[in-house]
PDB file of all heavy atoms in Angstrom:
ATOM      1  N   ALA A   1      70.140  58.836-112.578  1.00  0.00           N
ATOM      2  CA  ALA A   1      71.240  57.879-112.431  1.00  0.00           C
ATOM      3  C   ALA A   1      71.852  57.944-111.038  1.00  0.00           C
ATOM      4  O   ALA A   1      72.138  56.911-110.413  1.00  0.00           O
ATOM      5  CB  ALA A   1      72.302  58.150-113.495  1.00  0.00           C
ATOM      6  N   GLN A   2      72.059  59.170-110.528  1.00  0.00           N
ATOM      7  CA  GLN A   2      72.652  59.321-109.193  1.00  0.00           C
ATOM      8  C   GLN A   2      71.714  58.806-108.106  1.00  0.00           C
ATOM      9  O   GLN A   2      72.151  58.137-107.161  1.00  0.00           O
ATOM     10  CB  GLN A   2      73.012  60.783-108.934  1.00  0.00           C
ATOM     11  CG  GLN A   2      74.183  61.299-109.750  1.00  0.00           C
ATOM     12  CD  GLN A   2      74.608  62.692-109.323  1.00  0.00           C
ATOM     13  OE1 GLN A   2      74.378  63.121-108.189  1.00  0.00           O
ATOM     14  NE2 GLN A   2      75.223  63.428-110.240  1.00  0.00           N
ATOM     15  N   LEU A   3      70.428  59.125-108.231  1.00  0.00           N
ATOM     16  CA  LEU A   3      69.461  58.667-107.227  1.00  0.00           C
ATOM     17  C   LEU A   3      69.288  57.148-107.274  1.00  0.00           C
ATOM     18  O   LEU A   3      69.111  56.500-106.240  1.00  0.00           O
ATOM     19  CB  LEU A   3      68.120  59.355-107.431  1.00  0.00           C
ATOM     20  CG  LEU A   3      68.056  60.824-106.992  1.00  0.00           C
ATOM     21  CD1 LEU A   3      66.781  61.480-107.502  1.00  0.00           C
ATOM     22  CD2 LEU A   3      68.161  60.940-105.483  1.00  0.00           C
ATOM     23  N   LYS A   4      69.361  56.586-108.456  1.00  0.00           N
ATOM     24  CA  LYS A   4      69.266  55.132-108.600  1.00  0.00           C
ATOM     25  C   LYS A   4      70.408  54.466-107.830  1.00  0.00           C
ATOM     26  O   LYS A   4      70.207  53.477-107.120  1.00  0.00           O
ATOM     27  CB  LYS A   4      69.333  54.758-110.079  1.00  0.00           C
ATOM     28  CG  LYS A   4      69.139  53.281-110.362  1.00  0.00           C
ATOM     29  CD  LYS A   4      69.263  52.986-111.860  1.00  0.00           C
ATOM     30  CE  LYS A   4      68.178  53.658-112.655  1.00  0.00           C
ATOM     31  NZ  LYS A   4      68.257  53.311-114.109  1.00  0.00           N
ATOM     32  N   GLN A   5      71.607  55.033-107.963  1.00  0.00           N
ATOM     33  CA  GLN A   5      72.758  54.479-107.258  1.00  0.00           C
ATOM     34  C   GLN A   5      72.652  54.726-105.759  1.00  0.00           C
ATOM     35  O   GLN A   5      72.930  53.833-104.948  1.00  0.00           O
ATOM     36  CB  GLN A   5      74.049  55.094-107.796  1.00  0.00           C
ATOM     37  CG  GLN A   5      75.316  54.539-107.175  1.00  0.00           C
ATOM     38  CD  GLN A   5      76.565  55.119-107.814  1.00  0.00           C
ATOM     39  OE1 GLN A   5      76.536  56.177-108.415  1.00  0.00           O
ATOM     40  NE2 GLN A   5      77.676  54.417-107.681  1.00  0.00           N
ATOM     41  N   GLN A   6      72.228  55.923-105.369  1.00  0.00           N
ATOM     42  CA  GLN A   6      72.155  56.274-103.948  1.00  0.00           C
ATOM     43  C   GLN A   6      71.113  55.438-103.218  1.00  0.00           C
ATOM     44  O   GLN A   6      71.328  55.016-102.069  1.00  0.00           O
ATOM     45  CB  GLN A   6      71.824  57.757-103.806  1.00  0.00           C
ATOM     46  CG  GLN A   6      71.680  58.219-102.355  1.00  0.00           C
ATOM     47  CD  GLN A   6      71.456  59.710-102.253  1.00  0.00           C
ATOM     48  OE1 GLN A   6      72.372  60.499-102.433  1.00  0.00           O
ATOM     49  NE2 GLN A   6      70.218  60.118-101.959  1.00  0.00           N
ATOM     50  N   THR A   7      69.979  55.192-103.857  1.00  0.00           N
ATOM     51  CA  THR A   7      68.901  54.453-103.206  1.00  0.00           C
ATOM     52  C   THR A   7      69.060  52.946-103.336  1.00  0.00           C
ATOM     53  O   THR A   7      68.414  52.191-102.601  1.00  0.00           O
ATOM     54  CB  THR A   7      67.532  54.851-103.802  1.00  0.00           C
ATOM     55  OG1 THR A   7      67.522  54.541-105.204  1.00  0.00           O
ATOM     56  CG2 THR A   7      67.265  56.332-103.603  1.00  0.00           C
ATOM     57  N   GLY A   8      69.887  52.509-104.281  1.00  0.00           N
ATOM     58  CA  GLY A   8      70.064  51.075-104.503  1.00  0.00           C
ATOM     59  C   GLY A   8      68.818  50.411-105.047  1.00  0.00           C
ATOM     60  O   GLY A   8      68.626  49.199-104.888  1.00  0.00           O
ATOM     61  N   ALA A   9      67.959  51.203-105.729  1.00  0.00           N
ATOM     62  CA  ALA A   9      66.668  50.684-106.175  1.00  0.00           C
ATOM     63  C   ALA A   9      66.753  49.886-107.473  1.00  0.00           C
ATOM     64  O   ALA A   9      65.800  49.211-107.841  1.00  0.00           O
ATOM     65  CB  ALA A   9      65.686  51.838-106.353  1.00  0.00           C
ATOM     66  N   GLY A  10      67.865  49.978-108.192  1.00  0.00           N
ATOM     67  CA  GLY A  10      68.008  49.199-109.412  1.00  0.00           C
ATOM     68  C   GLY A  10      67.336  49.839-110.607  1.00  0.00           C
ATOM     69  O   GLY A  10      66.889  50.990-110.566  1.00  0.00           O
ATOM     70  N   ASP A  11      67.212  49.067-111.683  1.00  0.00           N
ATOM     71  CA  ASP A  11      66.720  49.592-112.945  1.00  0.00           C
ATOM     72  C   ASP A  11      65.251  49.990-112.910  1.00  0.00           C
ATOM     73  O   ASP A  11      64.787  50.710-113.789  1.00  0.00           O
ATOM     74  CB  ASP A  11      66.932  48.552-114.057  1.00  0.00           C
ATOM     75  CG  ASP A  11      68.408  48.359-114.384  1.00  0.00           C
ATOM     76  OD1 ASP A  11      69.201  49.264-114.056  1.00  0.00           O
ATOM     77  OD2 ASP A  11      68.764  47.303-114.946  1.00  0.00           O
ATOM     78  N   GLU A  12      64.510  49.509-111.912  1.00  0.00           N
ATOM     79  CA  GLU A  12      63.094  49.863-111.821  1.00  0.00           C
ATOM     80  C   GLU A  12      62.867  51.237-111.208  1.00  0.00           C
ATOM     81  O   GLU A  12      61.739  51.733-111.171  1.00  0.00           O
ATOM     82  CB  GLU A  12      62.341  48.805-110.995  1.00  0.00           C
ATOM     83  CG  GLU A  12      62.364  47.413-111.610  1.00  0.00           C
ATOM     84  CD  GLU A  12      61.828  47.408-113.029  1.00  0.00           C
ATOM     85  OE1 GLU A  12      60.726  47.965-113.230  1.00  0.00           O
ATOM     86  OE2 GLU A  12      62.508  46.870-113.922  1.00  0.00           O
ATOM     87  N   PHE A  13      63.930  51.873-110.718  1.00  0.00           N
ATOM     88  CA  PHE A  13      63.781  53.181-110.072  1.00  0.00           C
ATOM     89  C   PHE A  13      63.284  54.221-111.073  1.00  0.00           C
ATOM     90  O   PHE A  13      63.733  54.287-112.220  1.00  0.00           O
ATOM     91  CB  PHE A  13      65.122  53.641-109.490  1.00  0.00           C
ATOM     92  CG  PHE A  13      65.089  55.054-108.961  1.00  0.00           C
ATOM     93  CD1 PHE A  13      64.585  55.316-107.706  1.00  0.00           C
ATOM     94  CD2 PHE A  13      65.535  56.114-109.748  1.00  0.00           C
ATOM     95  CE1 PHE A  13      64.540  56.619-107.219  1.00  0.00           C
ATOM     96  CE2 PHE A  13      65.496  57.412-109.276  1.00  0.00           C
ATOM     97  CZ  PHE A  13      64.996  57.665-108.002  1.00  0.00           C
ATOM     98  N   ARG A  14      62.369  55.061-110.626  1.00  0.00           N
ATOM     99  CA  ARG A  14      61.864  56.187-111.403  1.00  0.00           C
ATOM    100  C   ARG A  14      61.872  57.435-110.520  1.00  0.00           C
ATOM    101  O   ARG A  14      61.751  57.352-109.289  1.00  0.00           O
ATOM    102  CB  ARG A  14      60.437  55.924-111.901  1.00  0.00           C
ATOM    103  CG  ARG A  14      60.323  54.718-112.840  1.00  0.00           C
ATOM    104  CD  ARG A  14      60.980  54.988-114.187  1.00  0.00           C
ATOM    105  NE  ARG A  14      60.807  53.866-115.109  1.00  0.00           N
ATOM    106  CZ  ARG A  14      61.682  52.875-115.272  1.00  0.00           C
ATOM    107  NH1 ARG A  14      62.812  52.856-114.562  1.00  0.00           N
ATOM    108  NH2 ARG A  14      61.441  51.912-116.140  1.00  0.00           N
ATOM    109  N   LEU A  15      61.969  58.588-111.138  1.00  0.00           N
ATOM    110  CA  LEU A  15      62.002  59.834-110.374  1.00  0.00           C
ATOM    111  C   LEU A  15      60.730  60.053-109.563  1.00  0.00           C
ATOM    112  O   LEU A  15      60.757  60.707-108.521  1.00  0.00           O
ATOM    113  CB  LEU A  15      62.260  61.023-111.297  1.00  0.00           C
ATOM    114  CG  LEU A  15      63.706  61.137-111.833  1.00  0.00           C
ATOM    115  CD1 LEU A  15      63.810  62.283-112.831  1.00  0.00           C
ATOM    116  CD2 LEU A  15      64.696  61.330-110.689  1.00  0.00           C
ATOM    117  N   CYS A  16      59.604  59.487-110.002  1.00  0.00           N
ATOM    118  CA  CYS A  16      58.368  59.612-109.219  1.00  0.00           C
ATOM    119  C   CYS A  16      58.443  58.809-107.926  1.00  0.00           C
ATOM    120  O   CYS A  16      57.630  59.022-107.017  1.00  0.00           O
ATOM    121  CB  CYS A  16      57.164  59.170-110.036  1.00  0.00           C
ATOM    122  SG  CYS A  16      57.164  57.431-110.493  1.00  0.00           S
ATOM    123  N   ASP A  17      59.401  57.883-107.809  1.00  0.00           N
ATOM    124  CA  ASP A  17      59.594  57.156-106.550  1.00  0.00           C
ATOM    125  C   ASP A  17      60.259  58.045-105.499  1.00  0.00           C
ATOM    126  O   ASP A  17      60.086  57.834-104.301  1.00  0.00           O
ATOM    127  CB  ASP A  17      60.462  55.910-106.778  1.00  0.00           C
ATOM    128  CG  ASP A  17      59.831  54.935-107.750  1.00  0.00           C
ATOM    129  OD1 ASP A  17      58.592  54.855-107.784  1.00  0.00           O
ATOM    130  OD2 ASP A  17      60.583  54.259-108.483  1.00  0.00           O
ATOM    131  N   TYR A  18      61.022  59.029-105.969  1.00  0.00           N
ATOM    132  CA  TYR A  18      61.754  59.925-105.057  1.00  0.00           C
ATOM    133  C   TYR A  18      60.988  61.221-104.818  1.00  0.00           C
ATOM    134  O   TYR A  18      60.815  61.653-103.677  1.00  0.00           O
ATOM    135  CB  TYR A  18      63.133  60.227-105.639  1.00  0.00           C
ATOM    136  CG  TYR A  18      64.008  61.064-104.740  1.00  0.00           C
ATOM    137  CD1 TYR A  18      64.719  60.491-103.695  1.00  0.00           C
ATOM    138  CD2 TYR A  18      64.110  62.438-104.928  1.00  0.00           C
ATOM    139  CE1 TYR A  18      65.522  61.257-102.866  1.00  0.00           C
ATOM    140  CE2 TYR A  18      64.906  63.214-104.103  1.00  0.00           C
ATOM    141  CZ  TYR A  18      65.609  62.621-103.076  1.00  0.00           C
ATOM    142  OH  TYR A  18      66.391  63.397-102.247  1.00  0.00           O
ATOM    143  N   PHE A  19      60.533  61.843-105.892  1.00  0.00           N
ATOM    144  CA  PHE A  19      59.812  63.117-105.772  1.00  0.00           C
ATOM    145  C   PHE A  19      58.335  62.858-105.508  1.00  0.00           C
ATOM    146  O   PHE A  19      57.732  61.954-106.073  1.00  0.00           O
ATOM    147  CB  PHE A  19      60.003  63.964-107.027  1.00  0.00           C
ATOM    148  CG  PHE A  19      61.400  64.511-107.164  1.00  0.00           C
ATOM    149  CD1 PHE A  19      62.317  63.903-108.000  1.00  0.00           C
ATOM    150  CD2 PHE A  19      61.798  65.615-106.428  1.00  0.00           C
ATOM    151  CE1 PHE A  19      63.598  64.393-108.114  1.00  0.00           C
ATOM    152  CE2 PHE A  19      63.086  66.118-106.531  1.00  0.00           C
ATOM    153  CZ  PHE A  19      63.991  65.504-107.378  1.00  0.00           C
ATOM    154  N   ASP A  20      57.757  63.693-104.647  1.00  0.00           N
ATOM    155  CA  ASP A  20      56.364  63.546-104.232  1.00  0.00           C
ATOM    156  C   ASP A  20      55.399  64.384-105.066  1.00  0.00           C
ATOM    157  O   ASP A  20      54.221  64.042-105.176  1.00  0.00           O
ATOM    158  CB  ASP A  20      56.217  63.948-102.759  1.00  0.00           C
ATOM    159  CG  ASP A  20      57.125  63.135-101.858  1.00  0.00           C
ATOM    160  OD1 ASP A  20      57.050  61.894-101.914  1.00  0.00           O
ATOM    161  OD2 ASP A  20      57.914  63.736-101.099  1.00  0.00           O
ATOM    162  N   TYR A  21      55.896  65.485-105.617  1.00  0.00           N
ATOM    163  CA  TYR A  21      55.034  66.419-106.350  1.00  0.00           C
ATOM    164  C   TYR A  21      55.878  66.977-107.486  1.00  0.00           C
ATOM    165  O   TYR A  21      56.926  67.585-107.254  1.00  0.00           O
ATOM    166  CB  TYR A  21      54.593  67.531-105.404  1.00  0.00           C
ATOM    167  CG  TYR A  21      53.293  68.247-105.734  1.00  0.00           C
ATOM    168  CD1 TYR A  21      52.619  68.969-104.739  1.00  0.00           C
ATOM    169  CD2 TYR A  21      52.735  68.231-107.000  1.00  0.00           C
ATOM    170  CE1 TYR A  21      51.430  69.640-104.995  1.00  0.00           C
ATOM    171  CE2 TYR A  21      51.543  68.892-107.268  1.00  0.00           C
ATOM    172  CZ  TYR A  21      50.898  69.597-106.258  1.00  0.00           C
ATOM    173  OH  TYR A  21      49.711  70.254-106.522  1.00  0.00           O
ATOM    174  N   VAL A  22      55.442  66.749-108.723  1.00  0.00           N
ATOM    175  CA  VAL A  22      56.177  67.197-109.898  1.00  0.00           C
ATOM    176  C   VAL A  22      55.308  68.192-110.649  1.00  0.00           C
ATOM    177  O   VAL A  22      54.132  67.916-110.933  1.00  0.00           O
ATOM    178  CB  VAL A  22      56.541  66.010-110.818  1.00  0.00           C
ATOM    179  CG1 VAL A  22      57.344  66.495-112.018  1.00  0.00           C
ATOM    180  CG2 VAL A  22      57.320  64.950-110.046  1.00  0.00           C
ATOM    181  N   GLY A  23      55.866  69.356-110.969  1.00  0.00           N
ATOM    182  CA  GLY A  23      55.103  70.379-111.676  1.00  0.00           C
ATOM    183  C   GLY A  23      55.818  70.830-112.924  1.00  0.00           C
ATOM    184  O   GLY A  23      57.052  70.891-112.959  1.00  0.00           O
ATOM    185  N   GLY A  24      55.051  71.149-113.969  1.00  0.00           N
ATOM    186  CA  GLY A  24      55.663  71.597-115.207  1.00  0.00           C
ATOM    187  C   GLY A  24      54.774  72.538-115.983  1.00  0.00           C
ATOM    188  O   GLY A  24      53.547  72.507-115.869  1.00  0.00           O
ATOM    189  N   THR A  25      55.415  73.367-116.779  1.00  0.00           N
ATOM    190  CA  THR A  25      54.735  74.302-117.663  1.00  0.00           C
ATOM    191  C   THR A  25      55.182  74.037-119.091  1.00  0.00           C
ATOM    192  O   THR A  25      56.370  73.852-119.341  1.00  0.00           O
ATOM    193  CB  THR A  25      55.073  75.757-117.286  1.00  0.00           C
ATOM    194  OG1 THR A  25      54.688  76.008-115.940  1.00  0.00           O
ATOM    195  CG2 THR A  25      54.376  76.742-118.197  1.00  0.00           C
ATOM    196  N   SER A  26      54.227  74.003-120.027  1.00  0.00           N
ATOM    197  CA  SER A  26      54.528  73.838-121.440  1.00  0.00           C
ATOM    198  C   SER A  26      55.309  72.543-121.677  1.00  0.00           C
ATOM    199  O   SER A  26      54.842  71.475-121.311  1.00  0.00           O
ATOM    200  CB  SER A  26      55.281  75.075-121.945  1.00  0.00           C
ATOM    201  OG  SER A  26      55.307  75.110-123.347  1.00  0.00           O
ATOM    202  N   THR A  27      56.502  72.631-122.260  1.00  0.00           N
ATOM    203  CA  THR A  27      57.276  71.401-122.467  1.00  0.00           C
ATOM    204  C   THR A  27      57.575  70.726-121.128  1.00  0.00           C
ATOM    205  O   THR A  27      57.659  69.500-121.037  1.00  0.00           O
ATOM    206  CB  THR A  27      58.582  71.696-123.244  1.00  0.00           C
ATOM    207  OG1 THR A  27      59.100  70.491-123.789  1.00  0.00           O
ATOM    208  CG2 THR A  27      59.642  72.350-122.372  1.00  0.00           C
ATOM    209  N   GLY A  28      57.689  71.519-120.066  1.00  0.00           N
ATOM    210  CA  GLY A  28      57.874  70.959-118.729  1.00  0.00           C
ATOM    211  C   GLY A  28      56.676  70.153-118.278  1.00  0.00           C
ATOM    212  O   GLY A  28      56.810  69.208-117.491  1.00  0.00           O
ATOM    213  N   ALA A  29      55.482  70.499-118.784  1.00  0.00           N
ATOM    214  CA  ALA A  29      54.279  69.734-118.448  1.00  0.00           C
ATOM    215  C   ALA A  29      54.310  68.360-119.095  1.00  0.00           C
ATOM    216  O   ALA A  29      53.858  67.371-118.506  1.00  0.00           O
ATOM    217  CB  ALA A  29      53.032  70.499-118.888  1.00  0.00           C
ATOM    218  N   ILE A  30      54.819  68.272-120.321  1.00  0.00           N
ATOM    219  CA  ILE A  30      54.966  66.969-120.981  1.00  0.00           C
ATOM    220  C   ILE A  30      55.865  66.069-120.137  1.00  0.00           C
ATOM    221  O   ILE A  30      55.552  64.914-119.847  1.00  0.00           O
ATOM    222  CB  ILE A  30      55.558  67.127-122.391  1.00  0.00           C
ATOM    223  CG1 ILE A  30      54.625  67.932-123.290  1.00  0.00           C
ATOM    224  CG2 ILE A  30      55.842  65.753-123.005  1.00  0.00           C
ATOM    225  CD1 ILE A  30      55.198  68.209-124.683  1.00  0.00           C
ATOM    226  N   ILE A  31      57.008  66.631-119.730  1.00  0.00           N
ATOM    227  CA  ILE A  31      57.981  65.852-118.964  1.00  0.00           C
ATOM    228  C   ILE A  31      57.422  65.492-117.595  1.00  0.00           C
ATOM    229  O   ILE A  31      57.536  64.345-117.140  1.00  0.00           O
ATOM    230  CB  ILE A  31      59.301  66.639-118.834  1.00  0.00           C
ATOM    231  CG1 ILE A  31      59.891  66.907-120.216  1.00  0.00           C
ATOM    232  CG2 ILE A  31      60.296  65.887-117.963  1.00  0.00           C
ATOM    233  CD1 ILE A  31      61.053  67.885-120.221  1.00  0.00           C
ATOM    234  N   ALA A  32      56.804  66.471-116.918  1.00  0.00           N
ATOM    235  CA  ALA A  32      56.263  66.224-115.579  1.00  0.00           C
ATOM    236  C   ALA A  32      55.191  65.141-115.609  1.00  0.00           C
ATOM    237  O   ALA A  32      55.160  64.253-114.742  1.00  0.00           O
ATOM    238  CB  ALA A  32      55.689  67.522-114.998  1.00  0.00           C
ATOM    239  N   ALA A  33      54.303  65.184-116.597  1.00  0.00           N
ATOM    240  CA  ALA A  33      53.249  64.171-116.708  1.00  0.00           C
ATOM    241  C   ALA A  33      53.857  62.790-116.939  1.00  0.00           C
ATOM    242  O   ALA A  33      53.419  61.790-116.359  1.00  0.00           O
ATOM    243  CB  ALA A  33      52.289  64.530-117.828  1.00  0.00           C
ATOM    244  N   GLY A  34      54.869  62.725-117.789  1.00  0.00           N
ATOM    245  CA  GLY A  34      55.536  61.451-118.031  1.00  0.00           C
ATOM    246  C   GLY A  34      56.205  60.901-116.796  1.00  0.00           C
ATOM    247  O   GLY A  34      56.095  59.707-116.485  1.00  0.00           O
ATOM    248  N   LEU A  35      56.892  61.767-116.057  1.00  0.00           N
ATOM    249  CA  LEU A  35      57.548  61.320-114.816  1.00  0.00           C
ATOM    250  C   LEU A  35      56.516  60.839-113.808  1.00  0.00           C
ATOM    251  O   LEU A  35      56.714  59.823-113.136  1.00  0.00           O
ATOM    252  CB  LEU A  35      58.376  62.460-114.223  1.00  0.00           C
ATOM    253  CG  LEU A  35      59.576  62.941-115.036  1.00  0.00           C
ATOM    254  CD1 LEU A  35      60.275  64.080-114.304  1.00  0.00           C
ATOM    255  CD2 LEU A  35      60.560  61.811-115.316  1.00  0.00           C
TER     256      LEU A  35
END
């Protein structure tokens, strides 16, 4: 929500637009893959 407001990207903004490399383990892997 904060990054959406800061970037002015609107409702289409996703965390993968900001972060370049997302890593996760176990339940974090589910979330990381989705992002």
